[in-house]
Amino acid sequence: MDYINRVELAGTVGACRLTQAGGQTVARMSVATTIVYRDSAGEQVLETTWHSVVAWQKPGMADLEKISKGSCLHITGRLRCSRYTRSDGGEALAYEVVADTLREVR
């Protein structure tokens, strides 16, 4: 059996933080995607979802230094789940998209 873990997003950056790790640039960003649909009363509804995205600078990827709030991006990657301990001592899960490709859309 072949397993598939693939995510494709096209959305707008809300915040982007750049760091260095092992001599490489890493971007951690929030990306909003919005879908529009009609509810049972026929009213238009906008549903926005925020995604956490991690991207490592590599050949063929958009220049991470140029990404800022409001940038429109097309991202492909995989979904990763991490378990961590909250400040109150409870356990929590965090999901993030690890980008394989990232390009700016105009």
PDB file of N, CA and C in Angstrom:
ATOM      1  N   MET A   1       0.839  -1.182   0.000  1.00  0.00           N
ATOM      2  CA  MET A   1       0.000   0.000   0.000  1.00  0.00           C
ATOM      3  C   MET A   1       0.888   1.251   0.000  1.00  0.00           C
ATOM      4  N   ASP A   2       0.532   2.217  -0.831  1.00  0.00           N
ATOM      5  CA  ASP A   2       1.235   3.489  -0.867  1.00  0.00           C
ATOM      6  C   ASP A   2       0.526   4.472   0.062  1.00  0.00           C
ATOM      7  N   TYR A   3       1.282   5.140   0.914  1.00  0.00           N
ATOM      8  CA  TYR A   3       0.724   6.144   1.808  1.00  0.00           C
ATOM      9  C   TYR A   3       0.928   7.520   1.214  1.00  0.00           C
ATOM     10  N   ILE A   4      -0.043   8.394   1.410  1.00  0.00           N
ATOM     11  CA  ILE A   4       0.030   9.741   0.857  1.00  0.00           C
ATOM     12  C   ILE A   4      -0.143  10.742   1.981  1.00  0.00           C
ATOM     13  N   ASN A   5       0.763  11.680   2.058  1.00  0.00           N
ATOM     14  CA  ASN A   5       0.672  12.792   3.000  1.00  0.00           C
ATOM     15  C   ASN A   5       1.031  14.032   2.194  1.00  0.00           C
ATOM     16  N   ARG A   6       0.035  14.665   1.583  1.00  0.00           N
ATOM     17  CA  ARG A   6       0.272  15.802   0.692  1.00  0.00           C
ATOM     18  C   ARG A   6      -0.754  16.885   0.984  1.00  0.00           C
ATOM     19  N   VAL A   7      -0.248  18.105   1.068  1.00  0.00           N
ATOM     20  CA  VAL A   7      -1.095  19.265   1.315  1.00  0.00           C
ATOM     21  C   VAL A   7      -0.793  20.293   0.229  1.00  0.00           C
ATOM     22  N   GLU A   8      -1.841  20.937  -0.273  1.00  0.00           N
ATOM     23  CA  GLU A   8      -1.682  22.014  -1.247  1.00  0.00           C
ATOM     24  C   GLU A   8      -2.548  23.175  -0.788  1.00  0.00           C
ATOM     25  N   LEU A   9      -1.925  24.339  -0.627  1.00  0.00           N
ATOM     26  CA  LEU A   9      -2.625  25.536  -0.163  1.00  0.00           C
ATOM     27  C   LEU A   9      -2.338  26.704  -1.095  1.00  0.00           C
ATOM     28  N   ALA A  10      -3.315  27.562  -1.253  1.00  0.00           N
ATOM     29  CA  ALA A  10      -3.122  28.857  -1.909  1.00  0.00           C
ATOM     30  C   ALA A  10      -3.789  29.853  -0.976  1.00  0.00           C
ATOM     31  N   GLY A  11      -2.986  30.746  -0.400  1.00  0.00           N
ATOM     32  CA  GLY A  11      -3.549  31.668   0.576  1.00  0.00           C
ATOM     33  C   GLY A  11      -2.679  32.885   0.800  1.00  0.00           C
ATOM     34  N   THR A  12      -3.041  33.636   1.844  1.00  0.00           N
ATOM     35  CA  THR A  12      -2.399  34.903   2.166  1.00  0.00           C
ATOM     36  C   THR A  12      -1.661  34.794   3.494  1.00  0.00           C
ATOM     37  N   VAL A  13      -0.439  35.293   3.527  1.00  0.00           N
ATOM     38  CA  VAL A  13       0.385  35.252   4.736  1.00  0.00           C
ATOM     39  C   VAL A  13      -0.136  36.255   5.752  1.00  0.00           C
ATOM     40  N   GLY A  14      -0.285  35.794   7.000  1.00  0.00           N
ATOM     41  CA  GLY A  14      -0.685  36.684   8.082  1.00  0.00           C
ATOM     42  C   GLY A  14       0.527  37.206   8.827  1.00  0.00           C
ATOM     43  N   ALA A  15       1.461  36.329   9.121  1.00  0.00           N
ATOM     44  CA  ALA A  15       2.699  36.706   9.811  1.00  0.00           C
ATOM     45  C   ALA A  15       3.786  35.750   9.341  1.00  0.00           C
ATOM     46  N   CYS A  16       5.026  36.234   9.336  1.00  0.00           N
ATOM     47  CA  CYS A  16       6.150  35.401   8.906  1.00  0.00           C
ATOM     48  C   CYS A  16       7.363  35.752   9.754  1.00  0.00           C
ATOM     49  N   ARG A  17       7.963  34.729  10.348  1.00  0.00           N
ATOM     50  CA  ARG A  17       9.155  34.925  11.174  1.00  0.00           C
ATOM     51  C   ARG A  17      10.294  34.105  10.587  1.00  0.00           C
ATOM     52  N   LEU A  18      11.414  34.746  10.305  1.00  0.00           N
ATOM     53  CA  LEU A  18      12.589  34.066   9.760  1.00  0.00           C
ATOM     54  C   LEU A  18      13.596  33.801  10.863  1.00  0.00           C
ATOM     55  N   THR A  19      14.193  32.609  10.834  1.00  0.00           N
ATOM     56  CA  THR A  19      15.270  32.262  11.757  1.00  0.00           C
ATOM     57  C   THR A  19      16.346  31.528  10.970  1.00  0.00           C
ATOM     58  N   GLN A  20      17.471  31.318  11.628  1.00  0.00           N
ATOM     59  CA  GLN A  20      18.560  30.547  11.041  1.00  0.00           C
ATOM     60  C   GLN A  20      18.719  29.260  11.831  1.00  0.00           C
ATOM     61  N   ALA A  21      18.880  28.147  11.133  1.00  0.00           N
ATOM     62  CA  ALA A  21      19.103  26.848  11.772  1.00  0.00           C
ATOM     63  C   ALA A  21      20.092  26.071  10.924  1.00  0.00           C
ATOM     64  N   GLY A  22      21.230  25.765  11.484  1.00  0.00           N
ATOM     65  CA  GLY A  22      22.239  25.011  10.746  1.00  0.00           C
ATOM     66  C   GLY A  22      22.717  25.718   9.497  1.00  0.00           C
ATOM     67  N   GLY A  23      22.749  27.035   9.518  1.00  0.00           N
ATOM     68  CA  GLY A  23      23.201  27.803   8.368  1.00  0.00           C
ATOM     69  C   GLY A  23      22.148  27.983   7.292  1.00  0.00           C
ATOM     70  N   GLN A  24      20.926  27.528   7.532  1.00  0.00           N
ATOM     71  CA  GLN A  24      19.840  27.676   6.557  1.00  0.00           C
ATOM     72  C   GLN A  24      18.772  28.610   7.107  1.00  0.00           C
ATOM     73  N   THR A  25      18.101  29.309   6.203  1.00  0.00           N
ATOM     74  CA  THR A  25      16.988  30.174   6.585  1.00  0.00           C
ATOM     75  C   THR A  25      15.724  29.329   6.687  1.00  0.00           C
ATOM     76  N   VAL A  26      14.991  29.537   7.775  1.00  0.00           N
ATOM     77  CA  VAL A  26      13.732  28.831   8.016  1.00  0.00           C
ATOM     78  C   VAL A  26      12.645  29.874   8.236  1.00  0.00           C
ATOM     79  N   ALA A  27      11.531  29.725   7.533  1.00  0.00           N
ATOM     80  CA  ALA A  27      10.396  30.630   7.710  1.00  0.00           C
ATOM     81  C   ALA A  27       9.278  29.869   8.402  1.00  0.00           C
ATOM     82  N   ARG A  28       8.734  30.468   9.453  1.00  0.00           N
ATOM     83  CA  ARG A  28       7.538  29.959  10.118  1.00  0.00           C
ATOM     84  C   ARG A  28       6.467  31.019   9.898  1.00  0.00           C
ATOM     85  N   MET A  29       5.371  30.612   9.283  1.00  0.00           N
ATOM     86  CA  MET A  29       4.358  31.602   8.918  1.00  0.00           C
ATOM     87  C   MET A  29       2.955  31.068   9.140  1.00  0.00           C
ATOM     88  N   SER A  30       2.022  31.991   9.252  1.00  0.00           N
ATOM     89  CA  SER A  30       0.608  31.633   9.267  1.00  0.00           C
ATOM     90  C   SER A  30       0.049  32.015   7.897  1.00  0.00           C
ATOM     91  N   VAL A  31      -0.758  31.128   7.337  1.00  0.00           N
ATOM     92  CA  VAL A  31      -1.335  31.350   6.013  1.00  0.00           C
ATOM     93  C   VAL A  31      -2.845  31.135   6.108  1.00  0.00           C
ATOM     94  N   ALA A  32      -3.598  32.102   5.599  1.00  0.00           N
ATOM     95  CA  ALA A  32      -5.061  32.021   5.625  1.00  0.00           C
ATOM     96  C   ALA A  32      -5.596  31.571   4.275  1.00  0.00           C
ATOM     97  N   THR A  33      -6.519  30.607   4.328  1.00  0.00           N
ATOM     98  CA  THR A  33      -7.262  30.213   3.133  1.00  0.00           C
ATOM     99  C   THR A  33      -8.731  30.499   3.407  1.00  0.00           C
ATOM    100  N   THR A  34      -9.453  30.918   2.393  1.00  0.00           N
ATOM    101  CA  THR A  34     -10.864  31.260   2.557  1.00  0.00           C
ATOM    102  C   THR A  34     -11.686  30.564   1.486  1.00  0.00           C
ATOM    103  N   ILE A  35     -12.792  29.967   1.913  1.00  0.00           N
ATOM    104  CA  ILE A  35     -13.739  29.410   0.959  1.00  0.00           C
ATOM    105  C   ILE A  35     -15.061  30.154   1.130  1.00  0.00           C
ATOM    106  N   VAL A  36     -15.810  30.218   0.057  1.00  0.00           N
ATOM    107  CA  VAL A  36     -17.105  30.891   0.063  1.00  0.00           C
ATOM    108  C   VAL A  36     -18.165  29.866  -0.312  1.00  0.00           C
ATOM    109  N   TYR A  37     -19.249  29.841   0.465  1.00  0.00           N
ATOM    110  CA  TYR A  37     -20.359  28.953   0.150  1.00  0.00           C
ATOM    111  C   TYR A  37     -21.661  29.604   0.604  1.00  0.00           C
ATOM    112  N   ARG A  38     -22.770  28.992   0.248  1.00  0.00           N
ATOM    113  CA  ARG A  38     -24.084  29.497   0.660  1.00  0.00           C
ATOM    114  C   ARG A  38     -24.660  28.565   1.720  1.00  0.00           C
ATOM    115  N   ASP A  39     -25.213  29.159   2.776  1.00  0.00           N
ATOM    116  CA  ASP A  39     -25.825  28.355   3.824  1.00  0.00           C
ATOM    117  C   ASP A  39     -27.237  27.940   3.421  1.00  0.00           C
ATOM    118  N   SER A  40     -27.941  27.264   4.324  1.00  0.00           N
ATOM    119  CA  SER A  40     -29.271  26.739   3.997  1.00  0.00           C
ATOM    120  C   SER A  40     -30.287  27.843   3.715  1.00  0.00           C
ATOM    121  N   ALA A  41     -30.007  29.068   4.206  1.00  0.00           N
ATOM    122  CA  ALA A  41     -30.903  30.198   3.944  1.00  0.00           C
ATOM    123  C   ALA A  41     -30.517  30.940   2.669  1.00  0.00           C
ATOM    124  N   GLY A  42     -29.463  30.468   1.990  1.00  0.00           N
ATOM    125  CA  GLY A  42     -29.028  31.107   0.755  1.00  0.00           C
ATOM    126  C   GLY A  42     -28.074  32.269   0.954  1.00  0.00           C
ATOM    127  N   GLU A  43     -27.685  32.508   2.208  1.00  0.00           N
ATOM    128  CA  GLU A  43     -26.753  33.601   2.495  1.00  0.00           C
ATOM    129  C   GLU A  43     -25.324  33.160   2.211  1.00  0.00           C
ATOM    130  N   GLN A  44     -24.520  34.086   1.697  1.00  0.00           N
ATOM    131  CA  GLN A  44     -23.132  33.802   1.397  1.00  0.00           C
ATOM    132  C   GLN A  44     -22.328  33.784   2.698  1.00  0.00           C
ATOM    133  N   VAL A  45     -21.505  32.740   2.866  1.00  0.00           N
ATOM    134  CA  VAL A  45     -20.682  32.582   4.063  1.00  0.00           C
ATOM    135  C   VAL A  45     -19.221  32.496   3.648  1.00  0.00           C
ATOM    136  N   LEU A  46     -18.366  33.269   4.326  1.00  0.00           N
ATOM    137  CA  LEU A  46     -16.921  33.190   4.119  1.00  0.00           C
ATOM    138  C   LEU A  46     -16.341  32.418   5.295  1.00  0.00           C
ATOM    139  N   GLU A  47     -15.604  31.364   5.005  1.00  0.00           N
ATOM    140  CA  GLU A  47     -14.985  30.551   6.052  1.00  0.00           C
ATOM    141  C   GLU A  47     -13.469  30.607   5.880  1.00  0.00           C
ATOM    142  N   THR A  48     -12.790  31.209   6.849  1.00  0.00           N
ATOM    143  CA  THR A  48     -11.339  31.362   6.796  1.00  0.00           C
ATOM    144  C   THR A  48     -10.686  30.382   7.758  1.00  0.00           C
ATOM    145  N   THR A  49      -9.653  29.696   7.286  1.00  0.00           N
ATOM    146  CA  THR A  49      -8.881  28.766   8.106  1.00  0.00           C
ATOM    147  C   THR A  49      -7.430  29.226   8.105  1.00  0.00           C
ATOM    148  N   TRP A  50      -6.818  29.250   9.293  1.00  0.00           N
ATOM    149  CA  TRP A  50      -5.410  29.627   9.427  1.00  0.00           C
ATOM    150  C   TRP A  50      -4.565  28.370   9.543  1.00  0.00           C
ATOM    151  N   HIS A  51      -3.467  28.328   8.791  1.00  0.00           N
ATOM    152  CA  HIS A  51      -2.565  27.185   8.751  1.00  0.00           C
ATOM    153  C   HIS A  51      -1.174  27.630   9.200  1.00  0.00           C
ATOM    154  N   SER A  52      -0.507  26.778   9.973  1.00  0.00           N
ATOM    155  CA  SER A  52       0.893  27.009  10.335  1.00  0.00           C
ATOM    156  C   SER A  52       1.753  26.335   9.275  1.00  0.00           C
ATOM    157  N   VAL A  53       2.715  27.084   8.736  1.00  0.00           N
ATOM    158  CA  VAL A  53       3.567  26.567   7.657  1.00  0.00           C
ATOM    159  C   VAL A  53       5.036  26.783   8.037  1.00  0.00           C
ATOM    160  N   VAL A  54       5.849  25.757   7.778  1.00  0.00           N
ATOM    161  CA  VAL A  54       7.294  25.839   7.969  1.00  0.00           C
ATOM    162  C   VAL A  54       7.947  25.619   6.619  1.00  0.00           C
ATOM    163  N   ALA A  55       8.880  26.494   6.245  1.00  0.00           N
ATOM    164  CA  ALA A  55       9.575  26.356   4.953  1.00  0.00           C
ATOM    165  C   ALA A  55      11.068  26.576   5.164  1.00  0.00           C
ATOM    166  N   TRP A  56      11.866  25.672   4.652  1.00  0.00           N
ATOM    167  CA  TRP A  56      13.325  25.787   4.682  1.00  0.00           C
ATOM    168  C   TRP A  56      13.772  26.304   3.317  1.00  0.00           C
ATOM    169  N   GLN A  57      14.661  27.302   3.310  1.00  0.00           N
ATOM    170  CA  GLN A  57      15.166  27.837   2.040  1.00  0.00           C
ATOM    171  C   GLN A  57      15.943  26.760   1.309  1.00  0.00           C
ATOM    172  N   LYS A  58      15.583  26.526   0.050  1.00  0.00           N
ATOM    173  CA  LYS A  58      16.283  25.557  -0.785  1.00  0.00           C
ATOM    174  C   LYS A  58      16.116  25.971  -2.235  1.00  0.00           C
ATOM    175  N   PRO A  59      16.933  25.422  -3.134  1.00  0.00           N
ATOM    176  CA  PRO A  59      16.824  25.780  -4.543  1.00  0.00           C
ATOM    177  C   PRO A  59      15.415  25.506  -5.079  1.00  0.00           C
ATOM    178  N   GLY A  60      14.930  26.406  -5.909  1.00  0.00           N
ATOM    179  CA  GLY A  60      13.629  26.254  -6.523  1.00  0.00           C
ATOM    180  C   GLY A  60      12.482  26.791  -5.698  1.00  0.00           C
ATOM    181  N   MET A  61      12.785  27.257  -4.485  1.00  0.00           N
ATOM    182  CA  MET A  61      11.749  27.800  -3.613  1.00  0.00           C
ATOM    183  C   MET A  61      11.824  29.324  -3.660  1.00  0.00           C
ATOM    184  N   ALA A  62      10.686  29.968  -3.479  1.00  0.00           N
ATOM    185  CA  ALA A  62      10.663  31.437  -3.454  1.00  0.00           C
ATOM    186  C   ALA A  62      11.635  31.946  -2.395  1.00  0.00           C
ATOM    187  N   ASP A  63      12.152  33.143  -2.596  1.00  0.00           N
ATOM    188  CA  ASP A  63      13.070  33.751  -1.632  1.00  0.00           C
ATOM    189  C   ASP A  63      12.304  34.059  -0.349  1.00  0.00           C
ATOM    190  N   LEU A  64      12.615  33.348   0.722  1.00  0.00           N
ATOM    191  CA  LEU A  64      11.900  33.509   1.982  1.00  0.00           C
ATOM    192  C   LEU A  64      12.063  34.916   2.560  1.00  0.00           C
ATOM    193  N   GLU A  65      13.154  35.584   2.235  1.00  0.00           N
ATOM    194  CA  GLU A  65      13.412  36.943   2.735  1.00  0.00           C
ATOM    195  C   GLU A  65      12.379  37.941   2.199  1.00  0.00           C
ATOM    196  N   LYS A  66      11.764  37.645   1.059  1.00  0.00           N
ATOM    197  CA  LYS A  66      10.824  38.570   0.431  1.00  0.00           C
ATOM    198  C   LYS A  66       9.374  38.347   0.857  1.00  0.00           C
ATOM    199  N   ILE A  67       9.121  37.299   1.637  1.00  0.00           N
ATOM    200  CA  ILE A  67       7.756  36.997   2.057  1.00  0.00           C
ATOM    201  C   ILE A  67       7.404  37.839   3.278  1.00  0.00           C
ATOM    202  N   SER A  68       6.237  38.467   3.229  1.00  0.00           N
ATOM    203  CA  SER A  68       5.793  39.302   4.351  1.00  0.00           C
ATOM    204  C   SER A  68       4.273  39.222   4.460  1.00  0.00           C
ATOM    205  N   LYS A  69       3.740  39.872   5.472  1.00  0.00           N
ATOM    206  CA  LYS A  69       2.299  39.894   5.680  1.00  0.00           C
ATOM    207  C   LYS A  69       1.610  40.377   4.405  1.00  0.00           C
ATOM    208  N   GLY A  70       0.589  39.653   3.975  1.00  0.00           N
ATOM    209  CA  GLY A  70      -0.143  40.017   2.770  1.00  0.00           C
ATOM    210  C   GLY A  70       0.332  39.322   1.510  1.00  0.00           C
ATOM    211  N   SER A  71       1.496  38.671   1.555  1.00  0.00           N
ATOM    212  CA  SER A  71       1.983  37.934   0.380  1.00  0.00           C
ATOM    213  C   SER A  71       1.011  36.808   0.051  1.00  0.00           C
ATOM    214  N   CYS A  72       0.764  36.600  -1.239  1.00  0.00           N
ATOM    215  CA  CYS A  72      -0.084  35.494  -1.687  1.00  0.00           C
ATOM    216  C   CYS A  72       0.826  34.356  -2.126  1.00  0.00           C
ATOM    217  N   LEU A  73       0.615  33.170  -1.551  1.00  0.00           N
ATOM    218  CA  LEU A  73       1.500  32.041  -1.795  1.00  0.00           C
ATOM    219  C   LEU A  73       0.743  30.812  -2.268  1.00  0.00           C
ATOM    220  N   HIS A  74       1.430  29.994  -3.056  1.00  0.00           N
ATOM    221  CA  HIS A  74       0.972  28.655  -3.405  1.00  0.00           C
ATOM    222  C   HIS A  74       1.987  27.711  -2.776  1.00  0.00           C
ATOM    223  N   ILE A  75       1.501  26.811  -1.929  1.00  0.00           N
ATOM    224  CA  ILE A  75       2.372  25.945  -1.136  1.00  0.00           C
ATOM    225  C   ILE A  75       1.967  24.499  -1.348  1.00  0.00           C
ATOM    226  N   THR A  76       2.961  23.630  -1.551  1.00  0.00           N
ATOM    227  CA  THR A  76       2.723  22.192  -1.494  1.00  0.00           C
ATOM    228  C   THR A  76       3.673  21.631  -0.440  1.00  0.00           C
ATOM    229  N   GLY A  77       3.223  20.595   0.242  1.00  0.00           N
ATOM    230  CA  GLY A  77       4.058  20.011   1.276  1.00  0.00           C
ATOM    231  C   GLY A  77       3.369  18.842   1.934  1.00  0.00           C
ATOM    232  N   ARG A  78       3.724  18.615   3.192  1.00  0.00           N
ATOM    233  CA  ARG A  78       3.153  17.500   3.938  1.00  0.00           C
ATOM    234  C   ARG A  78       2.697  17.992   5.297  1.00  0.00           C
ATOM    235  N   LEU A  79       1.779  17.271   5.890  1.00  0.00           N
ATOM    236  CA  LEU A  79       1.247  17.614   7.195  1.00  0.00           C
ATOM    237  C   LEU A  79       2.059  16.899   8.270  1.00  0.00           C
ATOM    238  N   ARG A  80       2.460  17.648   9.308  1.00  0.00           N
ATOM    239  CA  ARG A  80       3.217  17.077  10.416  1.00  0.00           C
ATOM    240  C   ARG A  80       2.499  17.408  11.717  1.00  0.00           C
ATOM    241  N   CYS A  81       2.418  16.426  12.596  1.00  0.00           N
ATOM    242  CA  CYS A  81       1.784  16.604  13.899  1.00  0.00           C
ATOM    243  C   CYS A  81       2.853  16.488  14.975  1.00  0.00           C
ATOM    244  N   SER A  82       2.866  17.442  15.908  1.00  0.00           N
ATOM    245  CA  SER A  82       3.822  17.422  17.016  1.00  0.00           C
ATOM    246  C   SER A  82       3.048  17.444  18.328  1.00  0.00           C
ATOM    247  N   ARG A  83       3.538  16.694  19.288  1.00  0.00           N
ATOM    248  CA  ARG A  83       2.951  16.680  20.621  1.00  0.00           C
ATOM    249  C   ARG A  83       3.858  17.524  21.535  1.00  0.00           C
ATOM    250  N   TYR A  84       3.251  18.362  22.360  1.00  0.00           N
ATOM    251  CA  TYR A  84       4.032  19.184  23.273  1.00  0.00           C
ATOM    252  C   TYR A  84       3.281  19.374  24.586  1.00  0.00           C
ATOM    253  N   THR A  85       3.998  19.873  25.595  1.00  0.00           N
ATOM    254  CA  THR A  85       3.402  20.137  26.899  1.00  0.00           C
ATOM    255  C   THR A  85       3.131  21.627  27.030  1.00  0.00           C
ATOM    256  N   ARG A  86       1.872  21.961  27.309  1.00  0.00           N
ATOM    257  CA  ARG A  86       1.487  23.363  27.484  1.00  0.00           C
ATOM    258  C   ARG A  86       2.039  23.901  28.801  1.00  0.00           C
ATOM    259  N   SER A  87       1.970  25.210  28.981  1.00  0.00           N
ATOM    260  CA  SER A  87       2.471  25.840  30.204  1.00  0.00           C
ATOM    261  C   SER A  87       1.693  25.389  31.439  1.00  0.00           C
ATOM    262  N   ASP A  88       0.441  24.937  31.260  1.00  0.00           N
ATOM    263  CA  ASP A  88      -0.349  24.460  32.399  1.00  0.00           C
ATOM    264  C   ASP A  88      -0.096  22.979  32.703  1.00  0.00           C
ATOM    265  N   GLY A  89       0.837  22.369  31.966  1.00  0.00           N
ATOM    266  CA  GLY A  89       1.204  20.978  32.206  1.00  0.00           C
ATOM    267  C   GLY A  89       0.448  19.973  31.362  1.00  0.00           C
ATOM    268  N   GLY A  90      -0.600  20.395  30.674  1.00  0.00           N
ATOM    269  CA  GLY A  90      -1.376  19.493  29.826  1.00  0.00           C
ATOM    270  C   GLY A  90      -0.684  19.239  28.498  1.00  0.00           C
ATOM    271  N   GLU A  91      -1.034  18.117  27.890  1.00  0.00           N
ATOM    272  CA  GLU A  91      -0.468  17.801  26.573  1.00  0.00           C
ATOM    273  C   GLU A  91      -1.366  18.339  25.475  1.00  0.00           C
ATOM    274  N   ALA A  92      -0.748  18.724  24.370  1.00  0.00           N
ATOM    275  CA  ALA A  92      -1.495  19.257  23.230  1.00  0.00           C
ATOM    276  C   ALA A  92      -0.844  18.782  21.939  1.00  0.00           C
ATOM    277  N   LEU A  93      -1.605  18.879  20.856  1.00  0.00           N
ATOM    278  CA  LEU A  93      -1.103  18.547  19.523  1.00  0.00           C
ATOM    279  C   LEU A  93      -1.052  19.812  18.685  1.00  0.00           C
ATOM    280  N   ALA A  94      -0.042  19.926  17.857  1.00  0.00           N
ATOM    281  CA  ALA A  94       0.067  21.041  16.922  1.00  0.00           C
ATOM    282  C   ALA A  94       0.281  20.457  15.529  1.00  0.00           C
ATOM    283  N   TYR A  95      -0.484  20.949  14.581  1.00  0.00           N
ATOM    284  CA  TYR A  95      -0.349  20.512  13.193  1.00  0.00           C
ATOM    285  C   TYR A  95       0.264  21.634  12.381  1.00  0.00           C
ATOM    286  N   GLU A  96       1.210  21.286  11.514  1.00  0.00           N
ATOM    287  CA  GLU A  96       1.811  22.286  10.641  1.00  0.00           C
ATOM    288  C   GLU A  96       2.102  21.665   9.288  1.00  0.00           C
ATOM    289  N   VAL A  97       2.132  22.519   8.285  1.00  0.00           N
ATOM    290  CA  VAL A  97       2.476  22.105   6.933  1.00  0.00           C
ATOM    291  C   VAL A  97       3.966  22.348   6.751  1.00  0.00           C
ATOM    292  N   VAL A  98       4.697  21.313   6.374  1.00  0.00           N
ATOM    293  CA  VAL A  98       6.119  21.438   6.060  1.00  0.00           C
ATOM    294  C   VAL A  98       6.199  21.581   4.538  1.00  0.00           C
ATOM    295  N   ALA A  99       6.605  22.762   4.075  1.00  0.00           N
ATOM    296  CA  ALA A  99       6.567  23.079   2.641  1.00  0.00           C
ATOM    297  C   ALA A  99       7.668  22.367   1.868  1.00  0.00           C
ATOM    298  N   ASP A 100       7.291  21.777   0.741  1.00  0.00           N
ATOM    299  CA  ASP A 100       8.254  21.242  -0.228  1.00  0.00           C
ATOM    300  C   ASP A 100       8.503  22.282  -1.300  1.00  0.00           C
ATOM    301  N   THR A 101       7.422  22.921  -1.764  1.00  0.00           N
ATOM    302  CA  THR A 101       7.534  24.012  -2.736  1.00  0.00           C
ATOM    303  C   THR A 101       6.720  25.189  -2.237  1.00  0.00           C
ATOM    304  N   LEU A 102       7.191  26.359  -2.579  1.00  0.00           N
ATOM    305  CA  LEU A 102       6.522  27.577  -2.158  1.00  0.00           C
ATOM    306  C   LEU A 102       6.817  28.622  -3.237  1.00  0.00           C
ATOM    307  N   ARG A 103       5.745  29.202  -3.779  1.00  0.00           N
ATOM    308  CA  ARG A 103       5.957  30.249  -4.791  1.00  0.00           C
ATOM    309  C   ARG A 103       4.968  31.370  -4.567  1.00  0.00           C
ATOM    310  N   GLU A 104       5.386  32.568  -4.900  1.00  0.00           N
ATOM    311  CA  GLU A 104       4.508  33.728  -4.776  1.00  0.00           C
ATOM    312  C   GLU A 104       3.560  33.772  -5.956  1.00  0.00           C
ATOM    313  N   VAL A 105       2.309  34.148  -5.662  1.00  0.00           N
ATOM    314  CA  VAL A 105       1.276  34.282  -6.679  1.00  0.00           C
ATOM    315  C   VAL A 105       0.885  35.738  -6.720  1.00  0.00           C
ATOM    316  N   ARG A 106       0.809  36.304  -7.891  1.00  0.00           N
ATOM    317  CA  ARG A 106       0.461  37.724  -8.004  1.00  0.00           C
ATOM    318  C   ARG A 106      -0.938  37.875  -8.489  1.00  0.00           C
TER     319      ARG A 106
END
